[in-house]
């Protein structure tokens, strides 16, 4: 119930409706002392408040869950808890603390038995790390995790981002074209708003770089007297 309805509300951008729905399920879980249900509801709401830029509320949800940590033995939920902490800290630009919590999230993600779920969770954690490394201009670490994600769980967002990296940092437009095209093919299969929006953003960055490179080439040719391009 959590998974289906939260996905539905997120696709519509109705985050407040999702929070209200989760609160209903939290109350129902509390009545039967279903701790995983309580934990999952507050964890989802922490993520929703984060999406709404209400970080204080996110921290409150996660703080409440501290008392349940000892009774939760589900590595997927525990990974989600530490990953969400890391994500909120990243938004607050507390990068070192964010990495600390993301690493704890990655530890529990490695214990998830379902291979598909494990790969998706590790990929998500890597994506948050990539954001941090880009913000800190640590590009070697950034491309390392981009390539890791590409090998364990291909997504249109990651492919598009590798394309942008090749264009902006390596000035390799042929390689960038390859990854952008790969992203477009995946978006055609899963044309969700998030996928499309991210692809369009990365394409805009890519075309901006390519335009600048073409303009520079034209200037060089004219300057050195080789005629017009």
N, C-alpha and C. Protein backbone atom coordinates (compact mmCIF):
# COMPACT_ATOMS: atom_id res chain seq x y z
N UNK A 1 0.83 -1.21 0.00
CA UNK A 1 0.00 0.00 0.00
C UNK A 1 0.87 1.26 0.00
N UNK A 2 1.92 1.25 0.81
CA UNK A 2 2.83 2.38 0.84
C UNK A 2 3.43 2.61 -0.56
N UNK A 3 3.96 1.54 -1.12
CA UNK A 3 4.69 1.64 -2.39
C UNK A 3 3.81 2.13 -3.52
N UNK A 4 2.65 1.52 -3.67
CA UNK A 4 1.76 1.85 -4.79
C UNK A 4 1.25 3.28 -4.70
N UNK A 5 0.73 3.67 -3.55
CA UNK A 5 0.12 5.00 -3.43
C UNK A 5 1.16 6.11 -3.42
N UNK A 6 2.31 5.87 -2.80
CA UNK A 6 3.34 6.91 -2.79
C UNK A 6 3.87 7.17 -4.20
N UNK A 7 4.04 6.12 -4.98
CA UNK A 7 4.48 6.29 -6.37
C UNK A 7 3.44 7.07 -7.16
N UNK A 8 2.18 6.74 -6.93
CA UNK A 8 1.08 7.42 -7.63
C UNK A 8 1.05 8.90 -7.29
N UNK A 9 1.15 9.23 -6.01
CA UNK A 9 1.11 10.63 -5.59
C UNK A 9 2.35 11.39 -6.07
N UNK A 10 3.50 10.73 -6.04
CA UNK A 10 4.73 11.39 -6.48
C UNK A 10 4.68 11.76 -7.96
N UNK A 11 4.15 10.84 -8.77
CA UNK A 11 4.05 11.10 -10.20
C UNK A 11 3.15 12.31 -10.49
N UNK A 12 2.17 12.51 -9.62
CA UNK A 12 1.26 13.65 -9.78
C UNK A 12 1.81 14.91 -9.11
N UNK A 13 2.89 14.76 -8.35
CA UNK A 13 3.45 15.90 -7.62
C UNK A 13 2.64 16.26 -6.39
N UNK A 14 1.82 15.33 -5.92
CA UNK A 14 0.93 15.60 -4.77
C UNK A 14 1.59 15.09 -3.48
N UNK A 15 2.66 15.76 -3.07
CA UNK A 15 3.45 15.30 -1.93
C UNK A 15 2.67 15.40 -0.62
N UNK A 16 1.90 16.44 -0.44
CA UNK A 16 1.13 16.60 0.79
C UNK A 16 0.07 15.52 0.92
N UNK A 17 -0.53 15.12 -0.19
CA UNK A 17 -1.49 14.02 -0.17
C UNK A 17 -0.81 12.72 0.25
N UNK A 18 0.41 12.53 -0.25
CA UNK A 18 1.17 11.33 0.11
C UNK A 18 1.48 11.31 1.60
N UNK A 19 1.88 12.45 2.14
CA UNK A 19 2.18 12.54 3.58
C UNK A 19 0.95 12.21 4.40
N UNK A 20 -0.18 12.75 4.02
CA UNK A 20 -1.44 12.49 4.75
C UNK A 20 -1.79 11.00 4.66
N UNK A 21 -1.63 10.42 3.49
CA UNK A 21 -1.93 8.99 3.30
C UNK A 21 -1.02 8.14 4.19
N UNK A 22 0.27 8.49 4.24
CA UNK A 22 1.22 7.74 5.06
C UNK A 22 0.87 7.83 6.54
N UNK A 23 0.40 9.00 6.97
CA UNK A 23 0.01 9.17 8.37
C UNK A 23 -1.16 8.26 8.74
N UNK A 24 -2.05 8.03 7.80
CA UNK A 24 -3.17 7.11 8.03
C UNK A 24 -2.65 5.69 8.23
N UNK A 25 -1.70 5.29 7.39
CA UNK A 25 -1.14 3.94 7.51
C UNK A 25 -0.26 3.79 8.75
N UNK A 26 0.39 4.88 9.16
CA UNK A 26 1.18 4.86 10.39
C UNK A 26 0.28 4.59 11.59
N UNK A 27 -0.87 5.26 11.64
CA UNK A 27 -1.83 5.06 12.73
C UNK A 27 -2.35 3.63 12.74
N UNK A 28 -2.65 3.12 11.54
CA UNK A 28 -3.14 1.74 11.44
C UNK A 28 -2.06 0.75 11.90
N UNK A 29 -0.81 1.02 11.54
CA UNK A 29 0.31 0.15 11.96
C UNK A 29 0.52 0.22 13.47
N UNK A 30 0.32 1.42 14.04
CA UNK A 30 0.52 1.60 15.49
C UNK A 30 -0.51 0.80 16.28
N UNK A 31 -1.72 0.73 15.78
CA UNK A 31 -2.79 0.01 16.48
C UNK A 31 -2.47 -1.47 16.64
N UNK A 32 -1.74 -2.04 15.67
CA UNK A 32 -1.41 -3.47 15.75
C UNK A 32 0.09 -3.67 16.07
N UNK A 33 0.75 -2.56 16.45
CA UNK A 33 2.17 -2.59 16.82
C UNK A 33 3.03 -3.19 15.70
N UNK A 34 2.71 -2.81 14.47
CA UNK A 34 3.48 -3.26 13.31
C UNK A 34 4.62 -2.27 13.08
N UNK A 35 5.78 -2.59 13.65
CA UNK A 35 6.89 -1.64 13.71
C UNK A 35 7.46 -1.30 12.33
N UNK A 36 7.50 -2.29 11.44
CA UNK A 36 8.00 -2.01 10.09
C UNK A 36 7.08 -1.01 9.37
N UNK A 37 5.78 -1.15 9.61
CA UNK A 37 4.83 -0.23 8.99
C UNK A 37 5.00 1.19 9.52
N UNK A 38 5.22 1.29 10.82
CA UNK A 38 5.45 2.61 11.44
C UNK A 38 6.74 3.21 10.89
N UNK A 39 7.77 2.40 10.87
CA UNK A 39 9.10 2.85 10.42
C UNK A 39 9.04 3.33 8.97
N UNK A 40 8.43 2.50 8.12
CA UNK A 40 8.37 2.82 6.70
C UNK A 40 7.60 4.12 6.44
N UNK A 41 6.50 4.31 7.17
CA UNK A 41 5.69 5.51 6.99
C UNK A 41 6.44 6.79 7.32
N UNK A 42 7.12 6.79 8.46
CA UNK A 42 7.89 7.97 8.86
C UNK A 42 9.08 8.19 7.93
N UNK A 43 9.68 7.09 7.45
CA UNK A 43 10.81 7.21 6.53
C UNK A 43 10.37 7.83 5.20
N UNK A 44 9.23 7.38 4.70
CA UNK A 44 8.71 7.95 3.46
C UNK A 44 8.37 9.43 3.63
N UNK A 45 7.80 9.77 4.76
CA UNK A 45 7.46 11.18 5.00
C UNK A 45 8.70 12.06 5.14
N UNK A 46 9.76 11.49 5.69
CA UNK A 46 11.02 12.24 5.76
C UNK A 46 11.49 12.61 4.37
N UNK A 47 11.38 11.67 3.45
CA UNK A 47 11.77 11.92 2.06
C UNK A 47 10.87 12.93 1.38
N UNK A 48 9.58 12.86 1.67
CA UNK A 48 8.62 13.79 1.06
C UNK A 48 8.84 15.22 1.57
N UNK A 49 9.08 15.35 2.87
CA UNK A 49 9.37 16.69 3.42
C UNK A 49 10.66 17.24 2.84
N UNK A 50 11.62 16.36 2.59
CA UNK A 50 12.88 16.78 1.97
C UNK A 50 12.61 17.33 0.57
N UNK A 51 11.75 16.64 -0.18
CA UNK A 51 11.40 17.10 -1.53
C UNK A 51 10.69 18.46 -1.50
N UNK A 52 10.02 18.73 -0.39
CA UNK A 52 9.33 20.01 -0.22
C UNK A 52 10.22 21.08 0.40
N UNK A 53 11.51 20.75 0.57
CA UNK A 53 12.49 21.66 1.18
C UNK A 53 12.17 21.97 2.64
N UNK A 54 11.43 21.09 3.30
CA UNK A 54 11.12 21.27 4.71
C UNK A 54 12.03 20.34 5.52
N UNK A 55 13.30 20.73 5.59
CA UNK A 55 14.31 19.85 6.16
C UNK A 55 14.14 19.64 7.66
N UNK A 56 13.65 20.64 8.36
CA UNK A 56 13.41 20.48 9.80
C UNK A 56 12.40 19.36 10.05
N UNK A 57 11.36 19.32 9.23
CA UNK A 57 10.35 18.26 9.37
C UNK A 57 10.95 16.90 9.03
N UNK A 58 11.82 16.87 8.02
CA UNK A 58 12.48 15.61 7.66
C UNK A 58 13.29 15.08 8.83
N UNK A 59 14.07 15.97 9.44
CA UNK A 59 14.89 15.55 10.58
C UNK A 59 14.02 15.06 11.75
N UNK A 60 12.86 15.70 11.95
CA UNK A 60 11.95 15.27 13.03
C UNK A 60 11.46 13.84 12.79
N UNK A 61 11.12 13.56 11.53
CA UNK A 61 10.65 12.20 11.20
C UNK A 61 11.75 11.17 11.47
N UNK A 62 12.97 11.49 11.06
CA UNK A 62 14.09 10.56 11.24
C UNK A 62 14.48 10.45 12.72
N UNK A 63 14.41 11.56 13.44
CA UNK A 63 14.72 11.56 14.87
C UNK A 63 13.76 10.64 15.62
N UNK A 64 12.50 10.70 15.24
CA UNK A 64 11.48 9.85 15.87
C UNK A 64 11.82 8.36 15.69
N UNK A 65 12.40 8.03 14.54
CA UNK A 65 12.68 6.63 14.22
C UNK A 65 13.87 6.05 14.98
N UNK A 66 14.66 6.89 15.64
CA UNK A 66 15.83 6.40 16.36
C UNK A 66 15.46 5.34 17.40
N UNK A 67 14.30 5.50 18.01
CA UNK A 67 13.88 4.56 19.04
C UNK A 67 13.50 3.19 18.45
N UNK A 68 13.27 3.14 17.12
CA UNK A 68 12.87 1.89 16.48
C UNK A 68 14.05 1.14 15.84
N UNK A 69 15.20 1.79 15.76
CA UNK A 69 16.33 1.19 15.04
C UNK A 69 16.71 -0.18 15.58
N UNK A 70 16.69 -0.32 16.89
CA UNK A 70 17.09 -1.59 17.51
C UNK A 70 16.14 -2.73 17.23
N UNK A 71 14.91 -2.43 16.84
CA UNK A 71 13.92 -3.49 16.62
C UNK A 71 13.64 -3.74 15.13
N UNK A 72 14.36 -3.06 14.27
CA UNK A 72 14.19 -3.26 12.82
C UNK A 72 15.37 -4.07 12.29
N UNK A 73 15.07 -5.23 11.71
CA UNK A 73 16.14 -6.08 11.17
C UNK A 73 16.09 -6.17 9.65
N UNK A 74 15.37 -5.25 9.03
CA UNK A 74 15.23 -5.23 7.58
C UNK A 74 16.32 -4.33 6.98
N UNK A 75 17.31 -4.90 6.27
CA UNK A 75 18.41 -4.08 5.74
C UNK A 75 17.94 -3.04 4.73
N UNK A 76 16.83 -3.31 4.04
CA UNK A 76 16.31 -2.34 3.07
C UNK A 76 15.84 -1.07 3.78
N UNK A 77 15.09 -1.24 4.87
CA UNK A 77 14.61 -0.09 5.63
C UNK A 77 15.76 0.63 6.34
N UNK A 78 16.69 -0.13 6.90
CA UNK A 78 17.82 0.49 7.58
C UNK A 78 18.70 1.27 6.61
N UNK A 79 18.89 0.69 5.43
CA UNK A 79 19.64 1.41 4.40
C UNK A 79 18.91 2.70 4.01
N UNK A 80 17.59 2.60 3.89
CA UNK A 80 16.79 3.78 3.56
C UNK A 80 16.89 4.87 4.60
N UNK A 81 16.93 4.47 5.87
CA UNK A 81 17.02 5.42 6.97
C UNK A 81 18.32 6.22 6.89
N UNK A 82 19.46 5.52 6.79
CA UNK A 82 20.75 6.22 6.77
C UNK A 82 20.95 6.98 5.45
N UNK A 83 20.42 6.42 4.37
CA UNK A 83 20.52 7.12 3.09
C UNK A 83 19.74 8.42 3.11
N UNK A 84 18.55 8.39 3.72
CA UNK A 84 17.74 9.61 3.80
C UNK A 84 18.42 10.67 4.65
N UNK A 85 19.04 10.25 5.73
CA UNK A 85 19.82 11.17 6.56
C UNK A 85 20.92 11.83 5.71
N UNK A 86 21.62 10.99 4.96
CA UNK A 86 22.69 11.51 4.11
C UNK A 86 22.18 12.47 3.05
N UNK A 87 21.01 12.17 2.49
CA UNK A 87 20.44 13.03 1.46
C UNK A 87 20.07 14.40 2.00
N UNK A 88 19.43 14.43 3.17
CA UNK A 88 19.04 15.71 3.77
C UNK A 88 20.27 16.53 4.13
N UNK A 89 21.29 15.87 4.68
CA UNK A 89 22.53 16.58 5.02
C UNK A 89 23.21 17.12 3.77
N UNK A 90 23.08 16.41 2.67
CA UNK A 90 23.64 16.91 1.41
C UNK A 90 22.95 18.20 0.99
N UNK A 91 21.64 18.23 1.11
CA UNK A 91 20.90 19.44 0.76
C UNK A 91 21.32 20.62 1.64
N UNK A 92 21.73 20.30 2.86
CA UNK A 92 22.17 21.35 3.80
C UNK A 92 23.65 21.68 3.63
N UNK A 93 24.28 21.09 2.60
CA UNK A 93 25.69 21.30 2.28
C UNK A 93 26.64 20.81 3.38
N UNK A 94 26.17 19.87 4.19
CA UNK A 94 27.03 19.25 5.20
C UNK A 94 27.61 17.96 4.60
N UNK A 95 28.55 18.15 3.70
CA UNK A 95 28.97 17.05 2.83
C UNK A 95 29.69 15.91 3.55
N UNK A 96 30.58 16.24 4.47
CA UNK A 96 31.32 15.19 5.17
C UNK A 96 30.39 14.31 6.00
N UNK A 97 29.46 14.96 6.71
CA UNK A 97 28.48 14.19 7.49
C UNK A 97 27.58 13.38 6.57
N UNK A 98 27.23 13.97 5.43
CA UNK A 98 26.39 13.27 4.46
C UNK A 98 27.07 12.00 3.98
N UNK A 99 28.34 12.09 3.63
CA UNK A 99 29.09 10.92 3.17
C UNK A 99 29.12 9.84 4.24
N UNK A 100 29.27 10.25 5.50
CA UNK A 100 29.29 9.30 6.62
C UNK A 100 28.00 8.47 6.66
N UNK A 101 26.87 9.16 6.59
CA UNK A 101 25.58 8.46 6.64
C UNK A 101 25.31 7.66 5.37
N UNK A 102 25.73 8.18 4.23
CA UNK A 102 25.55 7.44 2.98
C UNK A 102 26.37 6.15 3.00
N UNK A 103 27.54 6.19 3.59
CA UNK A 103 28.35 4.97 3.70
C UNK A 103 27.66 3.94 4.60
N UNK A 104 27.01 4.40 5.66
CA UNK A 104 26.26 3.47 6.52
C UNK A 104 25.08 2.90 5.75
N UNK A 105 24.44 3.75 4.94
CA UNK A 105 23.35 3.27 4.11
C UNK A 105 23.82 2.23 3.12
N UNK A 106 25.01 2.45 2.57
CA UNK A 106 25.58 1.51 1.61
C UNK A 106 25.92 0.17 2.27
N UNK A 107 26.36 0.22 3.54
CA UNK A 107 26.66 -1.01 4.28
C UNK A 107 25.43 -1.91 4.38
N UNK A 108 24.30 -1.32 4.76
CA UNK A 108 23.08 -2.11 4.88
C UNK A 108 22.51 -2.48 3.52
N UNK A 109 22.72 -1.62 2.52
CA UNK A 109 22.26 -1.95 1.17
C UNK A 109 22.94 -3.22 0.66
N UNK A 110 24.20 -3.39 1.02
CA UNK A 110 24.92 -4.58 0.61
C UNK A 110 24.37 -5.87 1.21
N UNK A 111 23.54 -5.75 2.24
CA UNK A 111 22.95 -6.92 2.90
C UNK A 111 21.57 -7.27 2.35
N UNK A 112 21.04 -6.46 1.43
CA UNK A 112 19.73 -6.74 0.84
C UNK A 112 19.84 -7.97 -0.05
N UNK A 113 18.99 -8.97 0.19
CA UNK A 113 19.11 -10.24 -0.53
C UNK A 113 18.65 -10.14 -1.98
N UNK A 114 17.60 -9.39 -2.22
CA UNK A 114 17.09 -9.25 -3.59
C UNK A 114 18.08 -8.43 -4.42
N UNK A 115 18.62 -9.06 -5.47
CA UNK A 115 19.68 -8.43 -6.24
C UNK A 115 19.24 -7.13 -6.91
N UNK A 116 18.03 -7.12 -7.43
CA UNK A 116 17.53 -5.92 -8.11
C UNK A 116 17.37 -4.76 -7.14
N UNK A 117 16.76 -5.04 -5.98
CA UNK A 117 16.59 -4.00 -4.97
C UNK A 117 17.94 -3.52 -4.43
N UNK A 118 18.86 -4.46 -4.26
CA UNK A 118 20.20 -4.11 -3.76
C UNK A 118 20.91 -3.17 -4.74
N UNK A 119 20.85 -3.51 -6.02
CA UNK A 119 21.52 -2.68 -7.04
C UNK A 119 20.90 -1.29 -7.12
N UNK A 120 19.57 -1.22 -7.04
CA UNK A 120 18.89 0.08 -7.13
C UNK A 120 19.24 0.97 -5.93
N UNK A 121 19.31 0.35 -4.75
CA UNK A 121 19.62 1.13 -3.55
C UNK A 121 21.06 1.63 -3.58
N UNK A 122 21.99 0.78 -3.98
CA UNK A 122 23.40 1.18 -4.06
C UNK A 122 23.56 2.27 -5.12
N UNK A 123 22.84 2.13 -6.22
CA UNK A 123 22.90 3.13 -7.29
C UNK A 123 22.39 4.48 -6.79
N UNK A 124 21.32 4.46 -6.01
CA UNK A 124 20.77 5.71 -5.46
C UNK A 124 21.79 6.38 -4.54
N UNK A 125 22.40 5.59 -3.68
CA UNK A 125 23.41 6.13 -2.76
C UNK A 125 24.57 6.72 -3.54
N UNK A 126 25.01 6.01 -4.58
CA UNK A 126 26.09 6.52 -5.42
C UNK A 126 25.72 7.84 -6.08
N UNK A 127 24.46 7.96 -6.48
CA UNK A 127 23.99 9.20 -7.12
C UNK A 127 24.12 10.38 -6.17
N UNK A 128 23.76 10.18 -4.90
CA UNK A 128 23.90 11.26 -3.92
C UNK A 128 25.38 11.61 -3.71
N UNK A 129 26.24 10.60 -3.72
CA UNK A 129 27.68 10.86 -3.59
C UNK A 129 28.19 11.65 -4.80
N UNK A 130 27.70 11.30 -5.98
CA UNK A 130 28.10 12.00 -7.20
C UNK A 130 27.77 13.48 -7.10
N UNK A 131 26.60 13.79 -6.56
CA UNK A 131 26.21 15.19 -6.37
C UNK A 131 27.20 15.92 -5.47
N UNK A 132 27.62 15.23 -4.42
CA UNK A 132 28.57 15.84 -3.47
C UNK A 132 29.92 16.06 -4.14
N UNK A 133 30.40 15.04 -4.86
CA UNK A 133 31.71 15.17 -5.51
C UNK A 133 31.70 16.26 -6.58
N UNK A 134 30.58 16.41 -7.25
CA UNK A 134 30.48 17.49 -8.24
C UNK A 134 30.52 18.85 -7.54
N UNK A 135 29.79 18.97 -6.44
CA UNK A 135 29.77 20.24 -5.69
C UNK A 135 31.16 20.58 -5.15
N UNK A 136 31.93 19.54 -4.78
CA UNK A 136 33.27 19.77 -4.23
C UNK A 136 34.36 19.77 -5.31
N UNK A 137 33.91 19.64 -6.58
CA UNK A 137 34.84 19.63 -7.72
C UNK A 137 35.85 18.49 -7.64
N UNK A 138 35.41 17.36 -7.08
CA UNK A 138 36.25 16.17 -7.00
C UNK A 138 35.85 15.26 -8.17
N UNK A 139 36.34 15.61 -9.35
CA UNK A 139 35.84 15.00 -10.58
C UNK A 139 36.29 13.56 -10.78
N UNK A 140 37.46 13.20 -10.26
CA UNK A 140 37.90 11.80 -10.38
C UNK A 140 36.94 10.88 -9.63
N UNK A 141 36.54 11.29 -8.43
CA UNK A 141 35.59 10.50 -7.65
C UNK A 141 34.22 10.51 -8.32
N UNK A 142 33.86 11.63 -8.90
CA UNK A 142 32.56 11.75 -9.57
C UNK A 142 32.44 10.76 -10.72
N UNK A 143 33.43 10.73 -11.62
CA UNK A 143 33.35 9.83 -12.76
C UNK A 143 33.48 8.37 -12.33
N UNK A 144 34.21 8.12 -11.24
CA UNK A 144 34.33 6.75 -10.71
C UNK A 144 32.96 6.19 -10.35
N UNK A 145 32.16 6.99 -9.62
CA UNK A 145 30.84 6.52 -9.20
C UNK A 145 29.83 6.54 -10.35
N UNK A 146 30.01 7.45 -11.30
CA UNK A 146 29.15 7.44 -12.49
C UNK A 146 29.33 6.13 -13.26
N UNK A 147 30.59 5.71 -13.43
CA UNK A 147 30.87 4.48 -14.15
C UNK A 147 30.39 3.26 -13.36
N UNK A 148 30.54 3.32 -12.04
CA UNK A 148 30.07 2.21 -11.21
C UNK A 148 28.56 2.04 -11.36
N UNK A 149 27.83 3.16 -11.30
CA UNK A 149 26.38 3.11 -11.46
C UNK A 149 25.99 2.56 -12.82
N UNK A 150 26.73 2.96 -13.83
CA UNK A 150 26.42 2.52 -15.19
C UNK A 150 26.57 1.02 -15.33
N UNK A 151 27.46 0.42 -14.54
CA UNK A 151 27.68 -1.02 -14.63
C UNK A 151 26.71 -1.82 -13.77
N UNK A 152 26.25 -1.26 -12.64
CA UNK A 152 25.40 -2.05 -11.75
C UNK A 152 23.90 -1.81 -11.96
N UNK A 153 23.53 -0.60 -12.43
CA UNK A 153 22.10 -0.31 -12.61
C UNK A 153 21.94 0.89 -13.54
N UNK A 154 21.80 0.62 -14.82
CA UNK A 154 21.68 1.69 -15.81
C UNK A 154 20.37 2.45 -15.64
N UNK A 155 20.48 3.77 -15.63
CA UNK A 155 19.29 4.62 -15.58
C UNK A 155 19.48 5.75 -16.60
N UNK A 156 18.39 6.32 -17.10
CA UNK A 156 18.52 7.45 -18.03
C UNK A 156 19.21 8.65 -17.41
N UNK A 157 19.00 8.84 -16.09
CA UNK A 157 19.65 9.97 -15.42
C UNK A 157 21.17 9.79 -15.42
N UNK A 158 21.62 8.59 -15.08
CA UNK A 158 23.06 8.37 -14.98
C UNK A 158 23.73 8.45 -16.35
N UNK A 159 23.10 7.86 -17.37
CA UNK A 159 23.67 7.91 -18.71
C UNK A 159 23.78 9.34 -19.21
N UNK A 160 22.73 10.13 -18.99
CA UNK A 160 22.75 11.53 -19.41
C UNK A 160 23.84 12.30 -18.68
N UNK A 161 24.02 11.97 -17.41
CA UNK A 161 25.01 12.68 -16.62
C UNK A 161 26.44 12.33 -17.04
N UNK A 162 26.66 11.08 -17.42
CA UNK A 162 27.97 10.70 -17.95
C UNK A 162 28.22 11.47 -19.25
N UNK A 163 27.18 11.59 -20.07
CA UNK A 163 27.32 12.35 -21.31
C UNK A 163 27.73 13.78 -21.05
N UNK A 164 27.08 14.41 -20.09
CA UNK A 164 27.41 15.79 -19.73
C UNK A 164 28.84 15.89 -19.22
N UNK A 165 29.25 14.91 -18.42
CA UNK A 165 30.62 14.90 -17.88
C UNK A 165 31.64 14.86 -19.03
N UNK A 166 31.39 13.99 -20.02
CA UNK A 166 32.31 13.90 -21.15
C UNK A 166 32.37 15.21 -21.92
N UNK A 167 31.24 15.89 -22.02
CA UNK A 167 31.20 17.15 -22.75
C UNK A 167 31.87 18.27 -21.97
N UNK A 168 31.50 18.43 -20.71
CA UNK A 168 31.97 19.57 -19.92
C UNK A 168 33.40 19.42 -19.43
N UNK A 169 33.74 18.23 -18.93
CA UNK A 169 35.04 18.05 -18.29
C UNK A 169 36.11 17.51 -19.24
N UNK A 170 35.71 16.63 -20.18
CA UNK A 170 36.68 15.99 -21.06
C UNK A 170 36.64 16.56 -22.48
N UNK A 171 35.64 17.37 -22.78
CA UNK A 171 35.48 17.97 -24.11
C UNK A 171 35.41 16.91 -25.21
N UNK A 172 34.79 15.79 -24.90
CA UNK A 172 34.63 14.69 -25.86
C UNK A 172 33.16 14.62 -26.27
N UNK A 173 32.81 15.31 -27.33
CA UNK A 173 31.40 15.37 -27.71
C UNK A 173 30.89 14.07 -28.33
N UNK A 174 31.78 13.29 -28.97
CA UNK A 174 31.34 12.01 -29.54
C UNK A 174 30.89 11.05 -28.44
N UNK A 175 31.70 10.97 -27.37
CA UNK A 175 31.33 10.12 -26.23
C UNK A 175 30.08 10.65 -25.56
N UNK A 176 29.98 11.98 -25.46
CA UNK A 176 28.79 12.59 -24.85
C UNK A 176 27.55 12.24 -25.65
N UNK A 177 27.66 12.31 -26.98
CA UNK A 177 26.53 11.96 -27.85
C UNK A 177 26.05 10.54 -27.59
N UNK A 178 27.01 9.63 -27.42
CA UNK A 178 26.69 8.21 -27.19
C UNK A 178 25.83 8.03 -25.93
N UNK A 179 26.24 8.66 -24.84
CA UNK A 179 25.53 8.48 -23.58
C UNK A 179 24.19 9.23 -23.56
N UNK A 180 24.14 10.39 -24.21
CA UNK A 180 22.87 11.12 -24.30
C UNK A 180 21.85 10.31 -25.10
N UNK A 181 22.30 9.70 -26.20
CA UNK A 181 21.42 8.86 -27.01
C UNK A 181 20.95 7.64 -26.21
N UNK A 182 21.85 7.06 -25.44
CA UNK A 182 21.50 5.92 -24.58
C UNK A 182 20.42 6.32 -23.58
N UNK A 183 20.56 7.51 -23.01
CA UNK A 183 19.57 8.02 -22.06
C UNK A 183 18.22 8.23 -22.75
N UNK A 184 18.23 8.78 -23.95
CA UNK A 184 16.99 9.02 -24.69
C UNK A 184 16.23 7.73 -24.95
N UNK A 185 16.95 6.67 -25.29
CA UNK A 185 16.32 5.37 -25.55
C UNK A 185 15.64 4.84 -24.29
N UNK A 186 16.28 5.01 -23.14
CA UNK A 186 15.70 4.55 -21.88
C UNK A 186 14.49 5.39 -21.48
N UNK A 187 14.55 6.69 -21.75
CA UNK A 187 13.42 7.57 -21.43
C UNK A 187 12.22 7.22 -22.30
N UNK A 188 12.47 6.80 -23.55
CA UNK A 188 11.36 6.37 -24.41
C UNK A 188 10.64 5.15 -23.84
N UNK A 189 11.39 4.32 -23.13
CA UNK A 189 10.80 3.14 -22.49
C UNK A 189 10.08 3.51 -21.20
N UNK A 190 10.68 4.42 -20.44
CA UNK A 190 10.09 4.87 -19.16
C UNK A 190 10.03 6.40 -19.17
N UNK A 191 8.99 6.97 -19.83
CA UNK A 191 8.89 8.43 -19.97
C UNK A 191 8.28 9.12 -18.75
N UNK A 192 8.82 8.81 -17.56
CA UNK A 192 8.31 9.45 -16.35
C UNK A 192 8.74 10.92 -16.33
N UNK A 193 8.00 11.78 -15.64
CA UNK A 193 8.37 13.20 -15.57
C UNK A 193 9.79 13.43 -15.06
N UNK A 194 10.20 12.65 -14.04
CA UNK A 194 11.55 12.80 -13.48
C UNK A 194 12.62 12.49 -14.54
N UNK A 195 12.42 11.37 -15.25
CA UNK A 195 13.39 10.98 -16.27
C UNK A 195 13.48 12.01 -17.39
N UNK A 196 12.33 12.46 -17.86
CA UNK A 196 12.32 13.43 -18.96
C UNK A 196 12.93 14.77 -18.54
N UNK A 197 12.58 15.22 -17.35
CA UNK A 197 13.09 16.51 -16.88
C UNK A 197 14.61 16.47 -16.73
N UNK A 198 15.12 15.38 -16.17
CA UNK A 198 16.57 15.27 -15.97
C UNK A 198 17.29 15.20 -17.31
N UNK A 199 16.74 14.44 -18.25
CA UNK A 199 17.36 14.33 -19.57
C UNK A 199 17.41 15.69 -20.25
N UNK A 200 16.31 16.44 -20.21
CA UNK A 200 16.28 17.75 -20.85
C UNK A 200 17.32 18.70 -20.23
N UNK A 201 17.47 18.62 -18.91
CA UNK A 201 18.45 19.46 -18.23
C UNK A 201 19.87 19.14 -18.69
N UNK A 202 20.19 17.85 -18.74
CA UNK A 202 21.54 17.44 -19.14
C UNK A 202 21.80 17.75 -20.63
N UNK A 203 20.76 17.61 -21.46
CA UNK A 203 20.92 17.93 -22.88
C UNK A 203 21.19 19.42 -23.07
N UNK A 204 20.52 20.24 -22.26
CA UNK A 204 20.75 21.68 -22.34
C UNK A 204 22.21 22.01 -22.01
N UNK A 205 22.76 21.35 -20.99
CA UNK A 205 24.16 21.56 -20.62
C UNK A 205 25.09 21.08 -21.73
N UNK A 206 24.75 19.92 -22.31
CA UNK A 206 25.56 19.36 -23.38
C UNK A 206 25.58 20.27 -24.61
N UNK A 207 24.40 20.75 -25.03
CA UNK A 207 24.33 21.61 -26.22
C UNK A 207 25.02 22.95 -25.97
N UNK A 208 24.98 23.40 -24.73
CA UNK A 208 25.67 24.64 -24.39
C UNK A 208 27.18 24.49 -24.57
N UNK A 209 27.71 23.34 -24.13
CA UNK A 209 29.14 23.08 -24.29
C UNK A 209 29.49 22.95 -25.77
N UNK A 210 28.69 22.21 -26.51
CA UNK A 210 28.98 22.00 -27.94
C UNK A 210 28.94 23.32 -28.71
N UNK A 211 27.98 24.18 -28.39
CA UNK A 211 27.89 25.48 -29.05
C UNK A 211 29.14 26.32 -28.77
N UNK A 212 29.58 26.30 -27.53
CA UNK A 212 30.78 27.06 -27.15
C UNK A 212 32.01 26.55 -27.89
N UNK A 213 32.12 25.20 -28.02
CA UNK A 213 33.26 24.61 -28.72
C UNK A 213 33.24 24.97 -30.20
N UNK A 214 32.05 24.98 -30.83
CA UNK A 214 31.94 25.33 -32.25
C UNK A 214 32.31 26.79 -32.46
N UNK A 215 31.84 27.66 -31.56
CA UNK A 215 32.16 29.08 -31.66
C UNK A 215 33.67 29.32 -31.51
N UNK A 216 34.30 28.57 -30.58
CA UNK A 216 35.74 28.71 -30.38
C UNK A 216 36.51 28.24 -31.61
N UNK A 217 36.03 27.15 -32.23
CA UNK A 217 36.68 26.64 -33.44
C UNK A 217 36.57 27.64 -34.58
N UNK A 218 35.41 28.24 -34.75
CA UNK A 218 35.22 29.25 -35.80
C UNK A 218 36.15 30.45 -35.59
N UNK A 219 36.25 30.87 -34.33
CA UNK A 219 37.12 32.02 -34.02
C UNK A 219 38.57 31.71 -34.35
N UNK A 220 39.00 30.47 -34.01
CA UNK A 220 40.38 30.07 -34.27
C UNK A 220 40.67 30.03 -35.77
N UNK A 221 39.73 29.50 -36.55
CA UNK A 221 39.93 29.38 -37.99
C UNK A 221 40.02 30.75 -38.64
N UNK A 222 39.10 31.64 -38.24
CA UNK A 222 39.12 33.00 -38.79
C UNK A 222 40.40 33.74 -38.38
N UNK A 223 40.79 33.55 -37.12
CA UNK A 223 41.98 34.23 -36.59
C UNK A 223 43.24 33.83 -37.34
N UNK A 224 43.34 32.53 -37.67
CA UNK A 224 44.56 32.05 -38.31
C UNK A 224 44.45 32.06 -39.84
N UNK A 225 43.36 32.66 -40.36
CA UNK A 225 43.27 32.91 -41.79
C UNK A 225 42.96 31.71 -42.64
N UNK A 226 42.21 30.74 -42.09
CA UNK A 226 41.87 29.56 -42.88
C UNK A 226 40.49 29.68 -43.53
N UNK A 227 39.94 30.89 -43.54
CA UNK A 227 38.65 31.06 -44.18
C UNK A 227 37.51 30.91 -43.21
N UNK A 228 36.31 30.82 -43.73
CA UNK A 228 35.10 30.70 -42.91
C UNK A 228 34.70 29.24 -42.74
N UNK A 229 34.10 28.97 -41.59
CA UNK A 229 33.61 27.61 -41.32
C UNK A 229 32.10 27.61 -41.51
